[in-house]
Protein backbone atom coordinates (compact mmCIF):
# COMPACT_ATOMS: atom_id res chain seq x y z
CA MET A 1 -21.86 22.66 57.98
CA ASN A 2 -19.93 25.90 58.49
CA HIS A 3 -18.29 27.91 55.74
CA ARG A 4 -14.76 26.76 56.66
CA THR A 5 -15.70 23.05 56.56
CA PHE A 6 -17.39 23.44 53.17
CA ASN A 7 -14.34 25.15 51.70
CA SER A 8 -12.10 22.43 53.10
CA LEU A 9 -14.17 19.72 51.41
CA ILE A 10 -14.11 21.57 48.10
CA ALA A 11 -10.32 21.93 48.32
CA ALA A 12 -9.91 18.25 49.13
CA ALA A 13 -12.17 17.21 46.26
CA THR A 14 -10.22 19.42 43.87
CA LEU A 15 -6.94 17.80 44.91
CA LEU A 16 -8.40 14.32 44.56
CA SER A 17 -9.79 15.17 41.14
CA ALA A 18 -6.45 16.52 39.96
CA GLY A 19 -4.66 13.42 41.22
CA ALA A 20 -7.14 11.13 39.50
CA ALA A 21 -6.74 13.03 36.23
CA LEU A 22 -2.98 12.59 36.35
CA ALA A 23 -3.30 8.92 37.24
CA ASN A 24 -5.74 8.31 34.37
CA ALA A 25 -3.89 10.39 31.78
CA PRO A 26 -3.27 8.25 28.68
CA ALA A 27 0.30 7.22 28.06
CA GLU A 28 1.92 8.79 25.05
CA LYS A 29 1.15 6.64 22.00
CA PRO A 30 4.08 5.20 20.09
CA ALA A 31 4.59 6.70 16.66
CA GLN A 32 2.57 4.96 13.98
CA LEU A 33 4.25 3.29 11.04
CA LYS A 34 3.57 5.15 7.80
CA ILE A 35 2.82 2.80 4.93
CA ALA A 36 2.64 4.07 1.34
CA CYS A 37 0.78 1.90 -1.18
CA VAL A 38 2.09 2.73 -4.65
CA GLY A 39 0.46 1.28 -7.72
CA ASP A 40 -2.09 1.35 -10.50
CA SER A 41 -5.88 0.93 -10.59
CA ILE A 42 -5.73 -2.27 -8.56
CA THR A 43 -4.11 -0.34 -5.71
CA PHE A 44 -6.46 2.60 -6.26
CA GLY A 45 -9.42 0.25 -6.05
CA ALA A 46 -11.02 0.90 -9.43
CA ARG A 47 -14.44 -0.68 -9.96
CA ILE A 48 -14.74 -1.76 -6.33
CA GLU A 49 -18.04 -0.84 -4.72
CA ASN A 50 -17.47 1.64 -1.87
CA ARG A 51 -13.88 1.96 -3.02
CA GLU A 52 -12.66 4.19 -0.20
CA ALA A 53 -13.48 1.52 2.37
CA ASN A 54 -12.87 -1.61 0.29
CA CYS A 55 -9.72 -0.93 -1.75
CA TYR A 56 -6.79 -2.98 -0.53
CA PRO A 57 -4.94 -0.06 1.18
CA ALA A 58 -8.08 0.76 3.17
CA GLN A 59 -8.52 -2.87 4.18
CA LEU A 60 -4.82 -3.05 5.06
CA GLY A 61 -5.25 0.00 7.27
CA ALA A 62 -8.15 -1.69 9.05
CA LEU A 63 -6.07 -4.81 9.60
CA MET A 64 -3.13 -2.81 10.96
CA GLY A 65 -5.32 -0.82 13.32
CA GLU A 66 -3.56 1.80 15.42
CA LYS A 67 -0.15 0.39 14.53
CA ALA A 68 0.02 2.16 11.19
CA THR A 69 -1.23 4.93 8.97
CA VAL A 70 -1.80 3.51 5.50
CA LYS A 71 -2.21 5.83 2.51
CA ASN A 72 -3.32 4.97 -1.00
CA PHE A 73 -1.17 6.47 -3.74
CA GLY A 74 -2.57 4.32 -6.54
CA VAL A 75 -3.34 5.85 -9.94
CA SER A 76 -5.49 4.06 -12.50
CA GLY A 77 -3.87 3.17 -15.81
CA THR A 78 -0.31 3.96 -14.77
CA THR A 79 2.82 2.15 -15.87
CA LEU A 80 6.14 1.50 -14.21
CA LEU A 81 7.82 2.17 -17.54
CA LYS A 82 8.87 5.78 -17.97
CA LYS A 83 8.09 5.46 -21.70
CA GLY A 84 4.69 3.92 -21.03
CA ASN A 85 1.48 5.63 -22.08
CA LYS A 86 0.84 6.87 -18.52
CA PRO A 87 4.00 6.72 -16.38
CA TYR A 88 3.47 6.68 -12.63
CA TRP A 89 6.56 8.87 -12.44
CA LYS A 90 4.63 11.83 -13.87
CA ARG A 91 1.62 11.60 -11.55
CA PRO A 92 1.21 13.96 -8.58
CA GLN A 93 0.57 10.88 -6.42
CA TYR A 94 4.20 9.85 -6.91
CA LYS A 95 5.38 13.19 -5.53
CA ALA A 96 2.85 12.91 -2.71
CA ALA A 97 4.12 9.43 -1.83
CA LEU A 98 7.65 10.79 -1.55
CA GLU A 99 6.50 13.73 0.56
CA PHE A 100 4.68 11.30 2.88
CA ASN A 101 8.17 10.13 3.91
CA PRO A 102 6.91 6.61 4.64
CA ASP A 103 8.48 3.90 6.77
CA ILE A 104 7.26 1.16 4.43
CA VAL A 105 6.57 1.33 0.69
CA VAL A 106 4.55 -1.35 -1.10
CA ILE A 107 4.85 -1.12 -4.90
CA LYS A 108 2.45 -2.94 -7.22
CA LEU A 109 3.07 -1.90 -10.80
CA GLY A 110 3.33 -3.89 -14.01
CA THR A 111 -0.15 -4.82 -15.17
CA ASN A 112 -0.56 -1.86 -17.54
CA ASP A 113 3.00 -2.25 -18.76
CA THR A 114 1.94 -5.47 -20.53
CA LYS A 115 -0.06 -3.54 -23.12
CA PRO A 116 1.74 -3.95 -26.49
CA ASP A 117 2.36 -0.22 -26.93
CA ASN A 118 4.07 -0.18 -23.53
CA TRP A 119 5.76 -3.57 -23.54
CA LYS A 120 7.78 -2.69 -26.62
CA HIS A 121 9.93 -0.85 -24.06
CA LYS A 122 10.26 -3.93 -21.84
CA SER A 123 14.07 -3.76 -21.86
CA GLU A 124 13.69 -0.70 -19.61
CA TYR A 125 11.34 -2.31 -17.11
CA VAL A 126 14.04 -3.59 -14.75
CA PRO A 127 16.20 -0.42 -14.73
CA ASN A 128 13.11 1.80 -14.33
CA TYR A 129 11.89 -0.30 -11.40
CA VAL A 130 15.32 -0.19 -9.76
CA ALA A 131 15.32 3.61 -10.16
CA LEU A 132 11.88 3.84 -8.52
CA ILE A 133 13.04 1.81 -5.56
CA LYS A 134 16.13 3.99 -5.18
CA SER A 135 14.01 7.15 -5.26
CA PHE A 136 12.17 5.98 -2.15
CA ARG A 137 15.31 4.72 -0.42
CA LYS A 138 16.79 8.22 -0.63
CA LEU A 139 14.09 9.60 1.65
CA PRO A 140 15.00 10.73 5.18
CA SER A 141 12.82 7.94 6.60
CA LYS A 142 14.93 5.29 4.80
CA PRO A 143 11.84 3.16 4.17
CA GLU A 144 11.68 -0.58 3.79
CA VAL A 145 10.57 -1.18 0.20
CA TRP A 146 8.49 -4.18 -0.89
CA VAL A 147 7.67 -5.05 -4.49
CA CYS A 148 4.67 -7.13 -5.49
CA TYR A 149 4.10 -9.77 -8.10
CA PRO A 150 1.06 -8.41 -9.97
CA VAL A 151 -2.22 -10.21 -9.53
CA PRO A 152 -3.25 -12.48 -12.42
CA ALA A 153 -4.84 -10.91 -15.48
CA TYR A 154 -7.53 -13.23 -16.78
CA PRO A 155 -8.52 -13.50 -20.48
CA ASN A 156 -10.06 -10.21 -21.56
CA LYS A 157 -10.87 -8.19 -24.67
CA GLY A 158 -8.42 -5.44 -23.77
CA PRO A 159 -4.67 -5.11 -24.35
CA ILE A 160 -3.53 -6.29 -20.90
CA SER A 161 -1.81 -9.68 -21.13
CA GLY A 162 -1.96 -12.24 -18.34
CA THR A 163 0.63 -14.31 -20.19
CA VAL A 164 3.12 -11.43 -20.13
CA VAL A 165 2.42 -10.90 -16.44
CA LYS A 166 3.11 -14.53 -15.58
CA GLU A 167 5.91 -15.37 -18.00
CA GLU A 168 7.82 -12.08 -18.21
CA ILE A 169 6.90 -9.65 -15.43
CA LEU A 170 7.30 -12.13 -12.57
CA PRO A 171 10.86 -13.21 -13.59
CA MET A 172 11.80 -9.56 -14.04
CA ILE A 173 10.63 -8.76 -10.51
CA ASP A 174 12.83 -11.61 -9.30
CA GLU A 175 15.76 -9.91 -11.04
CA ILE A 176 14.80 -6.53 -9.53
CA ALA A 177 14.77 -8.08 -6.06
CA LYS A 178 18.13 -9.65 -6.73
CA GLN A 179 19.65 -6.32 -7.80
CA THR A 180 18.19 -4.22 -4.99
CA GLY A 181 17.73 -6.60 -2.07
CA VAL A 182 14.04 -5.74 -1.68
CA LYS A 183 11.60 -8.43 -0.64
CA ILE A 184 8.78 -9.68 -2.82
CA ILE A 185 5.11 -9.96 -1.88
CA ASP A 186 3.50 -12.66 -4.01
CA LEU A 187 0.02 -11.44 -4.97
CA HIS A 188 -0.14 -13.70 -8.01
CA THR A 189 -0.34 -17.10 -6.33
CA PRO A 190 -3.14 -16.43 -3.81
CA LEU A 191 -5.34 -15.00 -6.57
CA ALA A 192 -4.57 -17.62 -9.21
CA ASN A 193 -7.61 -19.69 -10.17
CA GLN A 194 -9.81 -17.02 -8.57
CA GLN A 195 -11.37 -15.52 -11.68
CA ALA A 196 -14.70 -15.16 -9.89
CA LEU A 197 -13.09 -12.40 -7.81
CA PHE A 198 -12.29 -10.43 -11.00
CA PRO A 199 -15.60 -9.21 -12.49
CA ASP A 200 -13.88 -7.65 -15.52
CA SER A 201 -10.98 -10.17 -15.56
CA ILE A 202 -8.49 -7.45 -14.53
CA HIS A 203 -9.66 -5.72 -11.34
CA PRO A 204 -10.35 -7.68 -8.15
CA ASN A 205 -13.54 -7.00 -6.25
CA ALA A 206 -13.67 -6.20 -2.54
CA ALA A 207 -13.13 -9.86 -1.64
CA GLY A 208 -10.08 -9.99 -3.89
CA ALA A 209 -8.79 -6.75 -2.38
CA LYS A 210 -9.17 -8.35 1.03
CA ILE A 211 -6.86 -11.19 -0.02
CA ILE A 212 -4.33 -8.60 -1.22
CA ALA A 213 -4.55 -6.71 2.08
CA GLU A 214 -4.14 -9.88 4.13
CA THR A 215 -1.19 -11.02 2.02
CA VAL A 216 0.56 -7.65 2.33
CA LYS A 217 -0.02 -7.50 6.08
CA ALA A 218 1.34 -11.03 6.55
CA ALA A 219 4.47 -10.11 4.59
CA ILE A 220 5.31 -6.83 6.29
CA ALA A 221 4.46 -8.25 9.70
CA GLY A 222 6.90 -11.08 9.08
CA LYS A 223 4.35 -13.87 9.24
């Protein structure tokens, strides 16, 4: 093989390689949906083993795959009520959720509001919730906002009341949806009569979080 032939082969191989690279170049991926999960300890994943992988937002992210980026903005102990003992409004995660500029917002707040010291302000629950929804709707992304019926609270020694959740919070969320036009994700029904999934009667375990994630995905996917 002479020098000229060798150089010709190298040049041809280089051209073929360049053509193959262009042909195999990945197509530009469509932009991922940004989903913000706003809530209390149940959203955060408190008391779940391996929380970062098993909280409901993480499991929702796994279910959505490459279609979405799901972020957890849950804060344990927080209330929807501005006059509650730990308002979500004052947490840095609320500001972070706004700065995320999400396409979809899933709000699950109300469980801690049922504590007697908080629920004495129950007349402000609906207007405070409406204000929270509006704060997200003002974002440049104009997100679709979903509100959740809280999961059941089973009999416990603490101040959280399952009766208030079922008999007062749920009807109020119906009124909130009526006033704002948001859609409701029912997390109460699929976890009713599932006390075994709530080791402390308040917080679902990883299996309970999976049900939440599946229910949220089915709702936002329109199934």
